[in-house]
All heavy atoms as atom14 arrays in JSON, in Angstrom:
{
  "sequence": "GSLRLSCAASGSIFKIGAMGWYRQAPGKQRELVAAITSGGSTNYADS",
  "atom14_mask": [
    [1, 1, 1, 1, 0, 0, 0, 0, 0, 0, 0, 0, 0, 0],
    [1, 1, 1, 1, 1, 1, 0, 0, 0, 0, 0, 0, 0, 0],
    [1, 1, 1, 1, 1, 1, 1, 1, 0, 0, 0, 0, 0, 0],
    [1, 1, 1, 1, 1, 1, 1, 1, 1, 1, 1, 0, 0, 0],
    [1, 1, 1, 1, 1, 1, 1, 1, 0, 0, 0, 0, 0, 0],
    [1, 1, 1, 1, 1, 1, 0, 0, 0, 0, 0, 0, 0, 0],
    [1, 1, 1, 1, 1, 1, 0, 0, 0, 0, 0, 0, 0, 0],
    [1, 1, 1, 1, 1, 0, 0, 0, 0, 0, 0, 0, 0, 0],
    [1, 1, 1, 1, 1, 0, 0, 0, 0, 0, 0, 0, 0, 0],
    [1, 1, 1, 1, 1, 1, 0, 0, 0, 0, 0, 0, 0, 0],
    [1, 1, 1, 1, 0, 0, 0, 0, 0, 0, 0, 0, 0, 0],
    [1, 1, 1, 1, 1, 1, 0, 0, 0, 0, 0, 0, 0, 0],
    [1, 1, 1, 1, 1, 1, 1, 1, 0, 0, 0, 0, 0, 0],
    [1, 1, 1, 1, 1, 1, 1, 1, 1, 1, 1, 0, 0, 0],
    [1, 1, 1, 1, 1, 1, 1, 1, 1, 0, 0, 0, 0, 0],
    [1, 1, 1, 1, 1, 1, 1, 1, 0, 0, 0, 0, 0, 0],
    [1, 1, 1, 1, 0, 0, 0, 0, 0, 0, 0, 0, 0, 0],
    [1, 1, 1, 1, 1, 0, 0, 0, 0, 0, 0, 0, 0, 0],
    [1, 1, 1, 1, 1, 1, 1, 1, 0, 0, 0, 0, 0, 0],
    [1, 1, 1, 1, 0, 0, 0, 0, 0, 0, 0, 0, 0, 0],
    [1, 1, 1, 1, 1, 1, 1, 1, 1, 1, 1, 1, 1, 1],
    [1, 1, 1, 1, 1, 1, 1, 1, 1, 1, 1, 1, 0, 0],
    [1, 1, 1, 1, 1, 1, 1, 1, 1, 1, 1, 0, 0, 0],
    [1, 1, 1, 1, 1, 1, 1, 1, 1, 0, 0, 0, 0, 0],
    [1, 1, 1, 1, 1, 0, 0, 0, 0, 0, 0, 0, 0, 0],
    [1, 1, 1, 1, 1, 1, 1, 0, 0, 0, 0, 0, 0, 0],
    [1, 1, 1, 1, 0, 0, 0, 0, 0, 0, 0, 0, 0, 0],
    [1, 1, 1, 1, 1, 1, 1, 1, 1, 0, 0, 0, 0, 0],
    [1, 1, 1, 1, 1, 1, 1, 1, 1, 0, 0, 0, 0, 0],
    [1, 1, 1, 1, 1, 1, 1, 1, 1, 1, 1, 0, 0, 0],
    [1, 1, 1, 1, 1, 1, 1, 1, 1, 0, 0, 0, 0, 0],
    [1, 1, 1, 1, 1, 1, 1, 1, 0, 0, 0, 0, 0, 0],
    [1, 1, 1, 1, 1, 1, 1, 0, 0, 0, 0, 0, 0, 0],
    [1, 1, 1, 1, 1, 0, 0, 0, 0, 0, 0, 0, 0, 0],
    [1, 1, 1, 1, 1, 0, 0, 0, 0, 0, 0, 0, 0, 0],
    [1, 1, 1, 1, 1, 1, 1, 1, 0, 0, 0, 0, 0, 0],
    [1, 1, 1, 1, 1, 1, 1, 0, 0, 0, 0, 0, 0, 0],
    [1, 1, 1, 1, 1, 1, 0, 0, 0, 0, 0, 0, 0, 0],
    [1, 1, 1, 1, 0, 0, 0, 0, 0, 0, 0, 0, 0, 0],
    [1, 1, 1, 1, 0, 0, 0, 0, 0, 0, 0, 0, 0, 0],
    [1, 1, 1, 1, 1, 1, 0, 0, 0, 0, 0, 0, 0, 0],
    [1, 1, 1, 1, 1, 1, 1, 0, 0, 0, 0, 0, 0, 0],
    [1, 1, 1, 1, 1, 1, 1, 1, 0, 0, 0, 0, 0, 0],
    [1, 1, 1, 1, 1, 1, 1, 1, 1, 1, 1, 1, 0, 0],
    [1, 1, 1, 1, 1, 0, 0, 0, 0, 0, 0, 0, 0, 0],
    [1, 1, 1, 1, 1, 1, 1, 1, 0, 0, 0, 0, 0, 0],
    [1, 1, 1, 1, 1, 1, 0, 0, 0, 0, 0, 0, 0, 0]
  ],
  "atom14_positions": [
    [[100.4, 119.26, 72.16], [99.34, 120.09, 72.84], [99.86, 120.75, 73.97], [100.92, 120.64, 74.37], [0.0, 0.0, 0.0], [0.0, 0.0, 0.0], [0.0, 0.0, 0.0], [0.0, 0.0, 0.0], [0.0, 0.0, 0.0], [0.0, 0.0, 0.0], [0.0, 0.0, 0.0], [0.0, 0.0, 0.0], [0.0, 0.0, 0.0], [0.0, 0.0, 0.0]],
    [[98.79, 121.26, 74.64], [99.08, 122.15, 75.94], [98.08, 121.69, 76.97], [97.01, 121.28, 76.77], [99.06, 123.61, 75.62], [100.0, 124.07, 74.73], [0.0, 0.0, 0.0], [0.0, 0.0, 0.0], [0.0, 0.0, 0.0], [0.0, 0.0, 0.0], [0.0, 0.0, 0.0], [0.0, 0.0, 0.0], [0.0, 0.0, 0.0], [0.0, 0.0, 0.0]],
    [[98.56, 121.96, 78.09], [97.76, 121.87, 79.4], [98.1, 122.87, 80.4], [99.39, 123.24, 80.44], [97.87, 120.44, 80.1], [97.16, 119.26, 79.46], [97.58, 117.94, 80.11], [95.7, 119.37, 79.39], [0.0, 0.0, 0.0], [0.0, 0.0, 0.0], [0.0, 0.0, 0.0], [0.0, 0.0, 0.0], [0.0, 0.0, 0.0], [0.0, 0.0, 0.0]],
    [[97.29, 123.31, 81.24], [97.51, 124.31, 82.35], [97.21, 123.62, 83.69], [96.05, 123.44, 83.98], [96.83, 125.5, 82.1], [97.16, 126.62, 83.12], [96.5, 127.87, 82.72], [96.75, 129.09, 83.62], [95.9, 129.47, 84.62], [94.75, 128.94, 84.67], [96.24, 130.6, 85.33], [0.0, 0.0, 0.0], [0.0, 0.0, 0.0], [0.0, 0.0, 0.0]],
    [[98.08, 123.39, 84.48], [97.88, 122.75, 85.79], [97.84, 123.95, 86.81], [98.4, 124.86, 86.7], [99.04, 121.8, 86.25], [99.35, 120.69, 85.34], [100.43, 119.84, 85.87], [98.2, 119.93, 85.01], [0.0, 0.0, 0.0], [0.0, 0.0, 0.0], [0.0, 0.0, 0.0], [0.0, 0.0, 0.0], [0.0, 0.0, 0.0], [0.0, 0.0, 0.0]],
    [[96.83, 123.71, 87.92], [96.74, 124.65, 88.92], [96.98, 123.86, 90.22], [96.62, 122.71, 90.33], [95.32, 125.27, 88.95], [95.08, 126.08, 87.62], [0.0, 0.0, 0.0], [0.0, 0.0, 0.0], [0.0, 0.0, 0.0], [0.0, 0.0, 0.0], [0.0, 0.0, 0.0], [0.0, 0.0, 0.0], [0.0, 0.0, 0.0], [0.0, 0.0, 0.0]],
    [[97.47, 124.55, 91.17], [97.57, 124.05, 92.55], [96.98, 125.1, 93.56], [97.53, 126.18, 93.65], [98.93, 123.72, 92.92], [99.3, 123.21, 94.6], [0.0, 0.0, 0.0], [0.0, 0.0, 0.0], [0.0, 0.0, 0.0], [0.0, 0.0, 0.0], [0.0, 0.0, 0.0], [0.0, 0.0, 0.0], [0.0, 0.0, 0.0], [0.0, 0.0, 0.0]],
    [[95.87, 124.78, 94.13], [95.24, 125.74, 95.08], [95.44, 125.3, 96.51], [95.11, 124.14, 96.78], [93.79, 125.9, 94.73], [0.0, 0.0, 0.0], [0.0, 0.0, 0.0], [0.0, 0.0, 0.0], [0.0, 0.0, 0.0], [0.0, 0.0, 0.0], [0.0, 0.0, 0.0], [0.0, 0.0, 0.0], [0.0, 0.0, 0.0], [0.0, 0.0, 0.0]],
    [[96.0, 126.17, 97.26], [96.21, 125.89, 98.6], [95.05, 126.61, 99.51], [94.54, 127.7, 99.24], [97.54, 126.45, 99.25], [0.0, 0.0, 0.0], [0.0, 0.0, 0.0], [0.0, 0.0, 0.0], [0.0, 0.0, 0.0], [0.0, 0.0, 0.0], [0.0, 0.0, 0.0], [0.0, 0.0, 0.0], [0.0, 0.0, 0.0], [0.0, 0.0, 0.0]],
    [[94.6, 125.8, 100.43], [93.52, 126.26, 101.33], [93.76, 125.94, 102.77], [94.51, 125.1, 103.05], [92.11, 125.8, 100.86], [92.09, 124.31, 100.94], [0.0, 0.0, 0.0], [0.0, 0.0, 0.0], [0.0, 0.0, 0.0], [0.0, 0.0, 0.0], [0.0, 0.0, 0.0], [0.0, 0.0, 0.0], [0.0, 0.0, 0.0], [0.0, 0.0, 0.0]],
    [[93.13, 126.66, 103.61], [93.09, 126.36, 105.16], [93.78, 127.39, 106.02], [94.67, 127.15, 106.83], [0.0, 0.0, 0.0], [0.0, 0.0, 0.0], [0.0, 0.0, 0.0], [0.0, 0.0, 0.0], [0.0, 0.0, 0.0], [0.0, 0.0, 0.0], [0.0, 0.0, 0.0], [0.0, 0.0, 0.0], [0.0, 0.0, 0.0], [0.0, 0.0, 0.0]],
    [[93.31, 128.6, 105.97], [93.73, 129.64, 106.79], [95.11, 129.99, 106.64], [95.89, 130.08, 107.64], [93.19, 129.44, 108.15], [91.8, 129.21, 108.31], [0.0, 0.0, 0.0], [0.0, 0.0, 0.0], [0.0, 0.0, 0.0], [0.0, 0.0, 0.0], [0.0, 0.0, 0.0], [0.0, 0.0, 0.0], [0.0, 0.0, 0.0], [0.0, 0.0, 0.0]],
    [[95.53, 130.23, 105.48], [97.0, 130.31, 105.25], [97.32, 131.92, 105.14], [96.62, 132.74, 104.72], [97.38, 129.81, 103.77], [97.06, 128.37, 103.75], [98.74, 130.24, 103.4], [97.17, 127.75, 102.26], [0.0, 0.0, 0.0], [0.0, 0.0, 0.0], [0.0, 0.0, 0.0], [0.0, 0.0, 0.0], [0.0, 0.0, 0.0], [0.0, 0.0, 0.0]],
    [[98.43, 132.23, 105.8], [98.87, 133.57, 106.01], [99.98, 133.94, 104.88], [99.94, 134.82, 104.3], [99.55, 133.82, 107.36], [98.5, 133.6, 108.4], [99.11, 132.97, 109.63], [97.37, 134.14, 108.39], [98.29, 132.82, 110.68], [96.42, 133.84, 109.58], [97.04, 133.22, 110.62], [0.0, 0.0, 0.0], [0.0, 0.0, 0.0], [0.0, 0.0, 0.0]],
    [[100.86, 132.84, 104.58], [102.03, 132.95, 103.85], [102.44, 131.68, 103.27], [102.52, 130.7, 104.05], [103.03, 133.85, 104.32], [104.28, 134.1, 103.55], [104.03, 135.09, 102.49], [105.32, 135.4, 101.74], [106.46, 136.06, 102.54], [0.0, 0.0, 0.0], [0.0, 0.0, 0.0], [0.0, 0.0, 0.0], [0.0, 0.0, 0.0], [0.0, 0.0, 0.0]],
    [[102.93, 131.57, 101.98], [103.62, 130.4, 101.51], [104.94, 130.85, 100.97], [105.04, 131.89, 100.34], [102.8, 129.74, 100.38], [101.3, 129.35, 100.79], [103.47, 128.47, 99.88], [100.48, 128.87, 99.78], [0.0, 0.0, 0.0], [0.0, 0.0, 0.0], [0.0, 0.0, 0.0], [0.0, 0.0, 0.0], [0.0, 0.0, 0.0], [0.0, 0.0, 0.0]],
    [[105.92, 129.98, 101.31], [107.3, 130.16, 100.77], [107.42, 129.75, 99.35], [106.7, 130.15, 98.49], [0.0, 0.0, 0.0], [0.0, 0.0, 0.0], [0.0, 0.0, 0.0], [0.0, 0.0, 0.0], [0.0, 0.0, 0.0], [0.0, 0.0, 0.0], [0.0, 0.0, 0.0], [0.0, 0.0, 0.0], [0.0, 0.0, 0.0], [0.0, 0.0, 0.0]],
    [[108.46, 128.93, 99.13], [108.72, 128.4, 97.85], [107.54, 127.35, 97.35], [107.1, 126.62, 98.22], [109.98, 127.87, 97.63], [0.0, 0.0, 0.0], [0.0, 0.0, 0.0], [0.0, 0.0, 0.0], [0.0, 0.0, 0.0], [0.0, 0.0, 0.0], [0.0, 0.0, 0.0], [0.0, 0.0, 0.0], [0.0, 0.0, 0.0], [0.0, 0.0, 0.0]],
    [[107.31, 127.23, 96.14], [106.35, 126.25, 95.62], [107.01, 125.68, 94.39], [107.86, 126.18, 93.65], [104.99, 126.76, 95.18], [104.33, 127.49, 96.46], [102.67, 128.1, 95.89], [101.76, 126.58, 95.96], [0.0, 0.0, 0.0], [0.0, 0.0, 0.0], [0.0, 0.0, 0.0], [0.0, 0.0, 0.0], [0.0, 0.0, 0.0], [0.0, 0.0, 0.0]],
    [[106.54, 124.42, 94.16], [107.13, 123.66, 93.01], [106.28, 122.52, 92.43], [105.27, 122.08, 93.1], [0.0, 0.0, 0.0], [0.0, 0.0, 0.0], [0.0, 0.0, 0.0], [0.0, 0.0, 0.0], [0.0, 0.0, 0.0], [0.0, 0.0, 0.0], [0.0, 0.0, 0.0], [0.0, 0.0, 0.0], [0.0, 0.0, 0.0], [0.0, 0.0, 0.0]],
    [[106.38, 122.15, 91.34], [105.74, 121.07, 90.65], [106.78, 119.99, 90.54], [107.95, 120.09, 89.98], [105.35, 121.49, 89.23], [104.13, 122.3, 89.27], [104.09, 123.65, 89.1], [102.79, 121.94, 89.52], [102.73, 124.19, 89.16], [102.05, 123.26, 89.43], [102.19, 120.72, 89.7], [100.57, 123.06, 89.61], [100.77, 120.64, 89.94], [99.9, 121.84, 89.89]],
    [[106.41, 118.74, 90.91], [107.21, 117.61, 90.83], [106.32, 116.61, 89.93], [105.18, 116.78, 89.79], [107.4, 116.85, 92.09], [108.43, 117.59, 92.98], [108.22, 118.7, 93.73], [109.78, 117.04, 93.15], [109.07, 119.21, 94.44], [110.69, 117.62, 93.86], [110.42, 118.74, 94.51], [111.33, 119.31, 95.46], [0.0, 0.0, 0.0], [0.0, 0.0, 0.0]],
    [[107.03, 115.67, 89.35], [106.25, 114.68, 88.51], [106.95, 113.27, 88.8], [108.16, 113.23, 88.98], [106.32, 114.96, 87.1], [107.69, 114.88, 86.3], [107.53, 115.32, 84.83], [108.66, 115.24, 84.13], [108.83, 115.79, 82.88], [107.77, 116.38, 82.3], [110.1, 115.79, 82.3], [0.0, 0.0, 0.0], [0.0, 0.0, 0.0], [0.0, 0.0, 0.0]],
    [[106.13, 112.19, 88.71], [106.59, 110.88, 88.8], [105.9, 109.98, 87.93], [104.64, 109.94, 87.8], [106.44, 110.49, 90.27], [107.06, 109.06, 90.47], [107.23, 108.81, 91.99], [106.35, 109.29, 92.89], [108.07, 107.95, 92.46], [0.0, 0.0, 0.0], [0.0, 0.0, 0.0], [0.0, 0.0, 0.0], [0.0, 0.0, 0.0], [0.0, 0.0, 0.0]],
    [[106.69, 109.31, 87.05], [106.15, 108.26, 86.12], [106.5, 107.01, 86.63], [107.31, 106.69, 87.45], [106.81, 108.44, 84.7], [0.0, 0.0, 0.0], [0.0, 0.0, 0.0], [0.0, 0.0, 0.0], [0.0, 0.0, 0.0], [0.0, 0.0, 0.0], [0.0, 0.0, 0.0], [0.0, 0.0, 0.0], [0.0, 0.0, 0.0], [0.0, 0.0, 0.0]],
    [[105.7, 105.96, 86.37], [105.91, 104.63, 86.85], [107.24, 104.17, 86.58], [107.84, 104.16, 85.46], [104.95, 103.73, 85.99], [103.73, 104.74, 85.65], [104.51, 106.01, 85.42], [0.0, 0.0, 0.0], [0.0, 0.0, 0.0], [0.0, 0.0, 0.0], [0.0, 0.0, 0.0], [0.0, 0.0, 0.0], [0.0, 0.0, 0.0], [0.0, 0.0, 0.0]],
    [[107.9, 103.58, 87.59], [109.3, 103.06, 87.59], [110.43, 104.04, 87.47], [111.49, 103.76, 87.26], [0.0, 0.0, 0.0], [0.0, 0.0, 0.0], [0.0, 0.0, 0.0], [0.0, 0.0, 0.0], [0.0, 0.0, 0.0], [0.0, 0.0, 0.0], [0.0, 0.0, 0.0], [0.0, 0.0, 0.0], [0.0, 0.0, 0.0], [0.0, 0.0, 0.0]],
    [[110.07, 105.32, 87.74], [111.0, 106.43, 87.63], [111.07, 107.17, 88.94], [110.07, 107.17, 89.64], [110.69, 107.33, 86.46], [110.98, 106.87, 85.04], [110.65, 107.79, 83.96], [110.94, 107.19, 82.59], [110.8, 108.16, 81.59], [0.0, 0.0, 0.0], [0.0, 0.0, 0.0], [0.0, 0.0, 0.0], [0.0, 0.0, 0.0], [0.0, 0.0, 0.0]],
    [[112.14, 107.82, 89.11], [112.16, 108.62, 90.37], [111.32, 110.01, 90.35], [111.15, 110.48, 89.11], [113.64, 109.01, 90.6], [114.68, 107.94, 90.87], [114.47, 107.43, 92.18], [114.18, 108.06, 93.13], [114.49, 106.08, 92.21], [0.0, 0.0, 0.0], [0.0, 0.0, 0.0], [0.0, 0.0, 0.0], [0.0, 0.0, 0.0], [0.0, 0.0, 0.0]],
    [[110.9, 110.5, 91.33], [110.24, 111.67, 91.32], [111.32, 112.81, 91.02], [112.29, 112.8, 91.58], [109.45, 111.96, 92.75], [108.74, 113.24, 92.83], [107.97, 113.37, 94.14], [107.05, 112.38, 94.33], [106.2, 112.27, 95.31], [106.4, 113.06, 96.37], [105.33, 111.26, 95.35], [0.0, 0.0, 0.0], [0.0, 0.0, 0.0], [0.0, 0.0, 0.0]],
    [[110.86, 113.82, 90.18], [111.79, 114.8, 89.83], [111.06, 116.05, 89.86], [109.92, 116.12, 89.72], [112.29, 114.55, 88.34], [111.2, 114.64, 87.28], [111.85, 114.58, 85.94], [112.95, 114.91, 85.65], [111.06, 114.3, 84.92], [0.0, 0.0, 0.0], [0.0, 0.0, 0.0], [0.0, 0.0, 0.0], [0.0, 0.0, 0.0], [0.0, 0.0, 0.0]],
    [[111.91, 117.04, 90.18], [111.43, 118.49, 90.26], [111.32, 118.95, 88.84], [112.3, 118.93, 88.07], [112.45, 119.37, 91.08], [111.98, 120.88, 91.15], [110.72, 120.96, 91.94], [113.19, 121.66, 91.83], [0.0, 0.0, 0.0], [0.0, 0.0, 0.0], [0.0, 0.0, 0.0], [0.0, 0.0, 0.0], [0.0, 0.0, 0.0], [0.0, 0.0, 0.0]],
    [[110.16, 119.46, 88.47], [109.89, 120.0, 87.12], [110.27, 121.55, 87.09], [110.9, 122.02, 86.29], [108.46, 119.64, 86.74], [108.25, 120.26, 85.39], [108.21, 118.25, 86.68], [0.0, 0.0, 0.0], [0.0, 0.0, 0.0], [0.0, 0.0, 0.0], [0.0, 0.0, 0.0], [0.0, 0.0, 0.0], [0.0, 0.0, 0.0], [0.0, 0.0, 0.0]],
    [[109.65, 122.23, 88.12], [109.82, 123.61, 88.18], [109.55, 124.05, 89.46], [108.77, 123.48, 90.26], [108.84, 124.36, 87.12], [0.0, 0.0, 0.0], [0.0, 0.0, 0.0], [0.0, 0.0, 0.0], [0.0, 0.0, 0.0], [0.0, 0.0, 0.0], [0.0, 0.0, 0.0], [0.0, 0.0, 0.0], [0.0, 0.0, 0.0], [0.0, 0.0, 0.0]],
    [[110.15, 125.21, 89.87], [110.02, 125.77, 91.24], [109.97, 127.24, 91.13], [110.44, 127.91, 90.23], [111.13, 125.35, 92.13], [0.0, 0.0, 0.0], [0.0, 0.0, 0.0], [0.0, 0.0, 0.0], [0.0, 0.0, 0.0], [0.0, 0.0, 0.0], [0.0, 0.0, 0.0], [0.0, 0.0, 0.0], [0.0, 0.0, 0.0], [0.0, 0.0, 0.0]],
    [[109.27, 127.91, 92.07], [109.08, 129.32, 92.19], [109.2, 129.84, 93.65], [108.49, 129.24, 94.44], [107.85, 129.72, 91.33], [107.7, 131.29, 91.37], [106.56, 129.12, 92.09], [106.66, 131.86, 90.43], [0.0, 0.0, 0.0], [0.0, 0.0, 0.0], [0.0, 0.0, 0.0], [0.0, 0.0, 0.0], [0.0, 0.0, 0.0], [0.0, 0.0, 0.0]],
    [[109.83, 130.82, 93.79], [109.89, 131.33, 95.11], [108.8, 132.26, 95.46], [108.14, 132.67, 94.53], [111.28, 132.11, 95.48], [111.29, 133.32, 94.66], [112.56, 131.32, 95.01], [0.0, 0.0, 0.0], [0.0, 0.0, 0.0], [0.0, 0.0, 0.0], [0.0, 0.0, 0.0], [0.0, 0.0, 0.0], [0.0, 0.0, 0.0], [0.0, 0.0, 0.0]],
    [[108.61, 132.67, 96.64], [107.54, 133.61, 97.01], [107.75, 134.91, 96.4], [106.81, 135.67, 96.08], [107.55, 133.87, 98.56], [108.8, 134.38, 99.1], [0.0, 0.0, 0.0], [0.0, 0.0, 0.0], [0.0, 0.0, 0.0], [0.0, 0.0, 0.0], [0.0, 0.0, 0.0], [0.0, 0.0, 0.0], [0.0, 0.0, 0.0], [0.0, 0.0, 0.0]],
    [[109.02, 135.3, 95.98], [109.23, 136.47, 95.19], [109.23, 136.38, 93.67], [109.33, 137.26, 92.96], [0.0, 0.0, 0.0], [0.0, 0.0, 0.0], [0.0, 0.0, 0.0], [0.0, 0.0, 0.0], [0.0, 0.0, 0.0], [0.0, 0.0, 0.0], [0.0, 0.0, 0.0], [0.0, 0.0, 0.0], [0.0, 0.0, 0.0], [0.0, 0.0, 0.0]],
    [[108.95, 135.2, 93.1], [108.72, 134.98, 91.76], [109.85, 134.52, 91.02], [109.81, 134.32, 89.78], [0.0, 0.0, 0.0], [0.0, 0.0, 0.0], [0.0, 0.0, 0.0], [0.0, 0.0, 0.0], [0.0, 0.0, 0.0], [0.0, 0.0, 0.0], [0.0, 0.0, 0.0], [0.0, 0.0, 0.0], [0.0, 0.0, 0.0], [0.0, 0.0, 0.0]],
    [[111.06, 134.13, 91.67], [112.22, 133.61, 90.94], [111.86, 132.13, 90.6], [111.34, 131.42, 91.34], [113.43, 133.63, 91.86], [113.75, 135.01, 92.08], [0.0, 0.0, 0.0], [0.0, 0.0, 0.0], [0.0, 0.0, 0.0], [0.0, 0.0, 0.0], [0.0, 0.0, 0.0], [0.0, 0.0, 0.0], [0.0, 0.0, 0.0], [0.0, 0.0, 0.0]],
    [[112.28, 131.81, 89.41], [111.88, 130.45, 88.9], [113.07, 129.54, 88.53], [114.19, 130.07, 88.24], [111.0, 130.57, 87.58], [111.76, 131.23, 86.61], [109.74, 131.25, 87.86], [0.0, 0.0, 0.0], [0.0, 0.0, 0.0], [0.0, 0.0, 0.0], [0.0, 0.0, 0.0], [0.0, 0.0, 0.0], [0.0, 0.0, 0.0], [0.0, 0.0, 0.0]],
    [[112.89, 128.26, 88.48], [113.85, 127.32, 88.17], [113.15, 126.2, 87.45], [112.21, 125.69, 87.86], [114.66, 126.86, 89.35], [115.87, 125.95, 88.93], [116.61, 126.2, 88.08], [115.98, 124.94, 89.86], [0.0, 0.0, 0.0], [0.0, 0.0, 0.0], [0.0, 0.0, 0.0], [0.0, 0.0, 0.0], [0.0, 0.0, 0.0], [0.0, 0.0, 0.0]],
    [[113.82, 125.65, 86.44], [113.26, 124.62, 85.6], [114.29, 123.45, 85.35], [115.48, 123.62, 85.32], [112.69, 125.04, 84.24], [111.77, 126.2, 84.24], [111.99, 127.51, 84.33], [110.43, 125.84, 84.26], [111.15, 128.44, 84.27], [109.37, 126.94, 84.22], [109.87, 128.18, 84.23], [108.79, 129.14, 84.35], [0.0, 0.0, 0.0], [0.0, 0.0, 0.0]],
    [[113.62, 122.24, 85.28], [114.38, 120.99, 84.75], [114.8, 121.43, 83.37], [113.99, 121.87, 82.57], [113.61, 119.85, 84.99], [0.0, 0.0, 0.0], [0.0, 0.0, 0.0], [0.0, 0.0, 0.0], [0.0, 0.0, 0.0], [0.0, 0.0, 0.0], [0.0, 0.0, 0.0], [0.0, 0.0, 0.0], [0.0, 0.0, 0.0], [0.0, 0.0, 0.0]],
    [[116.02, 120.92, 83.02], [116.42, 121.1, 81.63], [115.49, 120.46, 80.59], [115.3, 121.0, 79.54], [117.75, 120.46, 81.49], [118.89, 121.17, 82.18], [118.72, 122.35, 82.39], [119.99, 120.69, 82.37], [0.0, 0.0, 0.0], [0.0, 0.0, 0.0], [0.0, 0.0, 0.0], [0.0, 0.0, 0.0], [0.0, 0.0, 0.0], [0.0, 0.0, 0.0]],
    [[114.85, 119.4, 80.91], [113.98, 118.71, 80.0], [112.62, 119.51, 79.67], [112.07, 119.26, 78.62], [113.47, 117.43, 80.57], [112.83, 117.55, 81.85], [0.0, 0.0, 0.0], [0.0, 0.0, 0.0], [0.0, 0.0, 0.0], [0.0, 0.0, 0.0], [0.0, 0.0, 0.0], [0.0, 0.0, 0.0], [0.0, 0.0, 0.0], [0.0, 0.0, 0.0]]
  ]
}
């Protein structure tokens, strides 16, 4: 199946640099899933 996650930033923000999604499962290290720069360049975990 599919899901769409959203992350909304609030608080009188002028600009945000890079953003990313991390995930952490019980007993596992937190890992970077995907990242995106302010210009739209992306990077993904191989998995």
